[in-house]
């Protein structure tokens, strides 16, 4: 039986993502475990993980997203 409960974990973001967007509309650049906003303020990726809506790679392709704050962050095919 194949499981469709794949989720995009915190460590996947730090290793694959270049940019994330939150449900509040803020965009962050990802630098390892740090998320840096356009003003240069850094936050730990773990502290914003549950607010992340869209995850993009270096070529601005969406690699993961969640539909609402209560759902899992899922990889995009």
N, C-alpha and C. Protein backbone atom coordinates (compact mmCIF):
# COMPACT_ATOMS: atom_id res chain seq x y z
N UNK A 1 0.84 -1.18 0.00
CA UNK A 1 0.00 0.00 0.00
C UNK A 1 0.88 1.25 0.00
N UNK A 2 0.61 2.14 -0.90
CA UNK A 2 1.42 3.34 -1.03
C UNK A 2 0.88 4.45 -0.12
N UNK A 3 1.74 5.09 0.61
CA UNK A 3 1.31 6.17 1.49
C UNK A 3 1.44 7.51 0.77
N UNK A 4 0.40 8.32 0.85
CA UNK A 4 0.46 9.65 0.24
C UNK A 4 0.62 10.73 1.30
N UNK A 5 1.11 10.35 2.46
CA UNK A 5 1.28 11.29 3.55
C UNK A 5 2.68 11.87 3.60
N UNK A 6 3.26 12.13 2.45
CA UNK A 6 4.59 12.73 2.42
C UNK A 6 4.48 14.18 2.85
N UNK A 7 5.45 14.62 3.60
CA UNK A 7 5.48 16.02 3.98
C UNK A 7 6.88 16.57 3.77
N UNK A 8 6.96 17.86 3.68
CA UNK A 8 8.22 18.55 3.44
C UNK A 8 8.74 19.02 4.79
N UNK A 9 9.75 18.37 5.30
CA UNK A 9 10.24 18.62 6.65
C UNK A 9 11.12 19.87 6.72
N UNK A 10 11.37 20.28 7.94
CA UNK A 10 12.21 21.44 8.23
C UNK A 10 13.58 21.32 7.58
N UNK A 11 14.20 20.16 7.70
CA UNK A 11 15.54 19.98 7.13
C UNK A 11 15.52 19.97 5.60
N UNK A 12 14.38 19.63 4.99
CA UNK A 12 14.26 19.72 3.53
C UNK A 12 14.31 21.17 3.07
N UNK A 13 13.69 22.04 3.84
CA UNK A 13 13.71 23.47 3.49
C UNK A 13 15.13 24.00 3.55
N UNK A 14 15.84 23.71 4.63
CA UNK A 14 17.19 24.25 4.78
C UNK A 14 18.15 23.72 3.72
N UNK A 15 17.90 22.52 3.20
CA UNK A 15 18.82 21.96 2.20
C UNK A 15 18.41 22.23 0.75
N UNK A 16 17.12 22.44 0.47
CA UNK A 16 16.66 22.57 -0.91
C UNK A 16 16.10 23.94 -1.27
N UNK A 17 15.64 24.70 -0.29
CA UNK A 17 14.92 25.94 -0.59
C UNK A 17 15.85 27.14 -0.69
N UNK A 18 15.39 28.11 -1.46
CA UNK A 18 16.10 29.38 -1.58
C UNK A 18 15.23 30.52 -1.07
N UNK A 19 13.91 30.33 -1.11
CA UNK A 19 12.98 31.39 -0.79
C UNK A 19 11.71 30.77 -0.20
N UNK A 20 11.15 31.41 0.85
CA UNK A 20 9.87 30.96 1.40
C UNK A 20 8.94 32.16 1.57
N UNK A 21 7.64 31.89 1.51
CA UNK A 21 6.63 32.92 1.72
C UNK A 21 5.68 32.43 2.80
N UNK A 22 5.30 33.32 3.72
CA UNK A 22 4.41 32.94 4.81
C UNK A 22 2.97 33.31 4.50
N UNK A 23 2.07 32.87 5.36
CA UNK A 23 0.66 33.21 5.19
C UNK A 23 0.41 34.70 5.41
N UNK A 24 1.29 35.38 6.11
CA UNK A 24 1.16 36.83 6.31
C UNK A 24 1.62 37.61 5.09
N UNK A 25 2.22 36.92 4.11
CA UNK A 25 2.69 37.59 2.90
C UNK A 25 4.16 37.98 2.94
N UNK A 26 4.85 37.69 4.04
CA UNK A 26 6.28 38.02 4.13
C UNK A 26 7.10 37.00 3.36
N UNK A 27 8.13 37.48 2.70
CA UNK A 27 9.04 36.62 1.95
C UNK A 27 10.39 36.60 2.68
N UNK A 28 10.99 35.43 2.72
CA UNK A 28 12.29 35.25 3.36
C UNK A 28 13.22 34.52 2.40
N UNK A 29 14.49 34.89 2.42
CA UNK A 29 15.53 34.12 1.74
C UNK A 29 16.06 33.13 2.76
N UNK A 30 16.32 31.91 2.32
CA UNK A 30 16.79 30.86 3.22
C UNK A 30 18.30 30.73 3.11
N UNK A 31 18.97 30.79 4.27
CA UNK A 31 20.42 30.61 4.36
C UNK A 31 20.67 29.57 5.44
N UNK A 32 20.71 28.30 5.05
CA UNK A 32 20.89 27.22 6.04
C UNK A 32 19.68 27.14 6.95
N UNK A 33 19.90 27.31 8.26
CA UNK A 33 18.77 27.26 9.20
C UNK A 33 18.19 28.64 9.47
N UNK A 34 18.62 29.64 8.74
CA UNK A 34 18.16 31.02 8.94
C UNK A 34 17.26 31.47 7.80
N UNK A 35 16.26 32.23 8.14
CA UNK A 35 15.37 32.87 7.17
C UNK A 35 15.58 34.37 7.32
N UNK A 36 15.99 35.03 6.24
CA UNK A 36 16.32 36.46 6.28
C UNK A 36 15.29 37.22 5.44
N UNK A 37 14.62 38.22 6.05
CA UNK A 37 13.63 38.99 5.30
C UNK A 37 14.30 40.10 4.50
N UNK A 38 13.51 40.87 3.76
CA UNK A 38 14.09 41.88 2.87
C UNK A 38 14.75 43.04 3.61
N UNK A 39 14.47 43.18 4.91
CA UNK A 39 15.10 44.22 5.72
C UNK A 39 16.39 43.74 6.37
N UNK A 40 16.72 42.47 6.19
CA UNK A 40 17.93 41.91 6.76
C UNK A 40 17.74 41.29 8.13
N UNK A 41 16.51 41.25 8.62
CA UNK A 41 16.23 40.63 9.92
C UNK A 41 16.22 39.11 9.76
N UNK A 42 16.98 38.44 10.60
CA UNK A 42 17.09 36.98 10.52
C UNK A 42 16.26 36.32 11.61
N UNK A 43 15.57 35.25 11.24
CA UNK A 43 14.82 34.43 12.19
C UNK A 43 15.21 32.99 11.92
N UNK A 44 15.16 32.17 12.98
CA UNK A 44 15.44 30.76 12.77
C UNK A 44 14.30 30.15 11.96
N UNK A 45 14.67 29.30 11.03
CA UNK A 45 13.69 28.65 10.16
C UNK A 45 12.66 27.87 10.98
N UNK A 46 13.09 27.27 12.07
CA UNK A 46 12.18 26.50 12.92
C UNK A 46 11.08 27.38 13.51
N UNK A 47 11.38 28.65 13.78
CA UNK A 47 10.38 29.52 14.40
C UNK A 47 9.31 29.98 13.42
N UNK A 48 9.59 29.93 12.12
CA UNK A 48 8.57 30.32 11.14
C UNK A 48 8.02 29.13 10.36
N UNK A 49 8.47 27.92 10.66
CA UNK A 49 8.10 26.73 9.88
C UNK A 49 6.58 26.58 9.72
N UNK A 50 5.83 26.75 10.78
CA UNK A 50 4.38 26.53 10.71
C UNK A 50 3.63 27.71 10.10
N UNK A 51 4.32 28.80 9.81
CA UNK A 51 3.70 29.93 9.10
C UNK A 51 4.02 29.91 7.61
N UNK A 52 4.90 29.02 7.18
CA UNK A 52 5.32 28.96 5.78
C UNK A 52 4.20 28.42 4.90
N UNK A 53 3.92 29.13 3.81
CA UNK A 53 2.90 28.71 2.85
C UNK A 53 3.52 28.10 1.60
N UNK A 54 4.54 28.77 1.03
CA UNK A 54 5.14 28.33 -0.23
C UNK A 54 6.65 28.27 -0.09
N UNK A 55 7.26 27.22 -0.65
CA UNK A 55 8.71 27.05 -0.64
C UNK A 55 9.17 27.01 -2.09
N UNK A 56 10.17 27.85 -2.43
CA UNK A 56 10.68 27.90 -3.80
C UNK A 56 12.17 27.59 -3.82
N UNK A 57 12.63 27.03 -4.94
CA UNK A 57 14.04 26.71 -5.09
C UNK A 57 14.79 27.89 -5.72
N UNK A 58 16.04 27.67 -6.07
CA UNK A 58 16.88 28.73 -6.63
C UNK A 58 16.42 29.26 -7.96
N UNK A 59 15.60 28.50 -8.67
CA UNK A 59 15.07 28.94 -9.97
C UNK A 59 13.63 29.41 -9.85
N UNK A 60 13.20 29.70 -8.61
CA UNK A 60 11.86 30.20 -8.29
C UNK A 60 10.73 29.25 -8.70
N UNK A 61 11.03 27.96 -8.74
CA UNK A 61 9.99 26.96 -8.95
C UNK A 61 9.45 26.54 -7.58
N UNK A 62 8.16 26.40 -7.48
CA UNK A 62 7.55 25.98 -6.22
C UNK A 62 7.87 24.50 -5.99
N UNK A 63 8.48 24.21 -4.83
CA UNK A 63 8.83 22.83 -4.52
C UNK A 63 7.99 22.26 -3.38
N UNK A 64 7.31 23.13 -2.61
CA UNK A 64 6.41 22.66 -1.55
C UNK A 64 5.44 23.78 -1.20
N UNK A 65 4.26 23.37 -0.72
CA UNK A 65 3.28 24.37 -0.30
C UNK A 65 2.27 23.75 0.65
N UNK A 66 1.54 24.62 1.34
CA UNK A 66 0.42 24.17 2.16
C UNK A 66 -0.76 25.10 1.90
N UNK A 67 -1.95 24.53 1.93
CA UNK A 67 -3.15 25.29 1.57
C UNK A 67 -3.65 26.18 2.69
N UNK A 68 -3.50 25.74 3.93
CA UNK A 68 -3.92 26.55 5.07
C UNK A 68 -2.97 26.27 6.23
N UNK A 69 -2.96 27.14 7.22
CA UNK A 69 -1.98 27.00 8.32
C UNK A 69 -2.07 25.69 9.10
N UNK A 70 -3.21 25.02 9.05
CA UNK A 70 -3.38 23.78 9.81
C UNK A 70 -2.96 22.53 9.03
N UNK A 71 -2.68 22.66 7.73
CA UNK A 71 -2.33 21.48 6.93
C UNK A 71 -0.82 21.27 6.89
N UNK A 72 -0.42 20.09 6.41
CA UNK A 72 1.00 19.74 6.28
C UNK A 72 1.63 20.49 5.11
N UNK A 73 2.91 20.75 5.21
CA UNK A 73 3.67 21.30 4.10
C UNK A 73 4.01 20.12 3.19
N UNK A 74 3.49 20.14 1.96
CA UNK A 74 3.62 19.00 1.05
C UNK A 74 4.45 19.36 -0.17
N UNK A 75 5.28 18.42 -0.63
CA UNK A 75 6.05 18.67 -1.85
C UNK A 75 5.13 18.76 -3.07
N UNK A 76 5.52 19.58 -4.03
CA UNK A 76 4.78 19.72 -5.28
C UNK A 76 5.41 18.79 -6.30
N UNK A 77 4.59 18.11 -7.08
CA UNK A 77 5.11 17.15 -8.07
C UNK A 77 5.73 17.84 -9.24
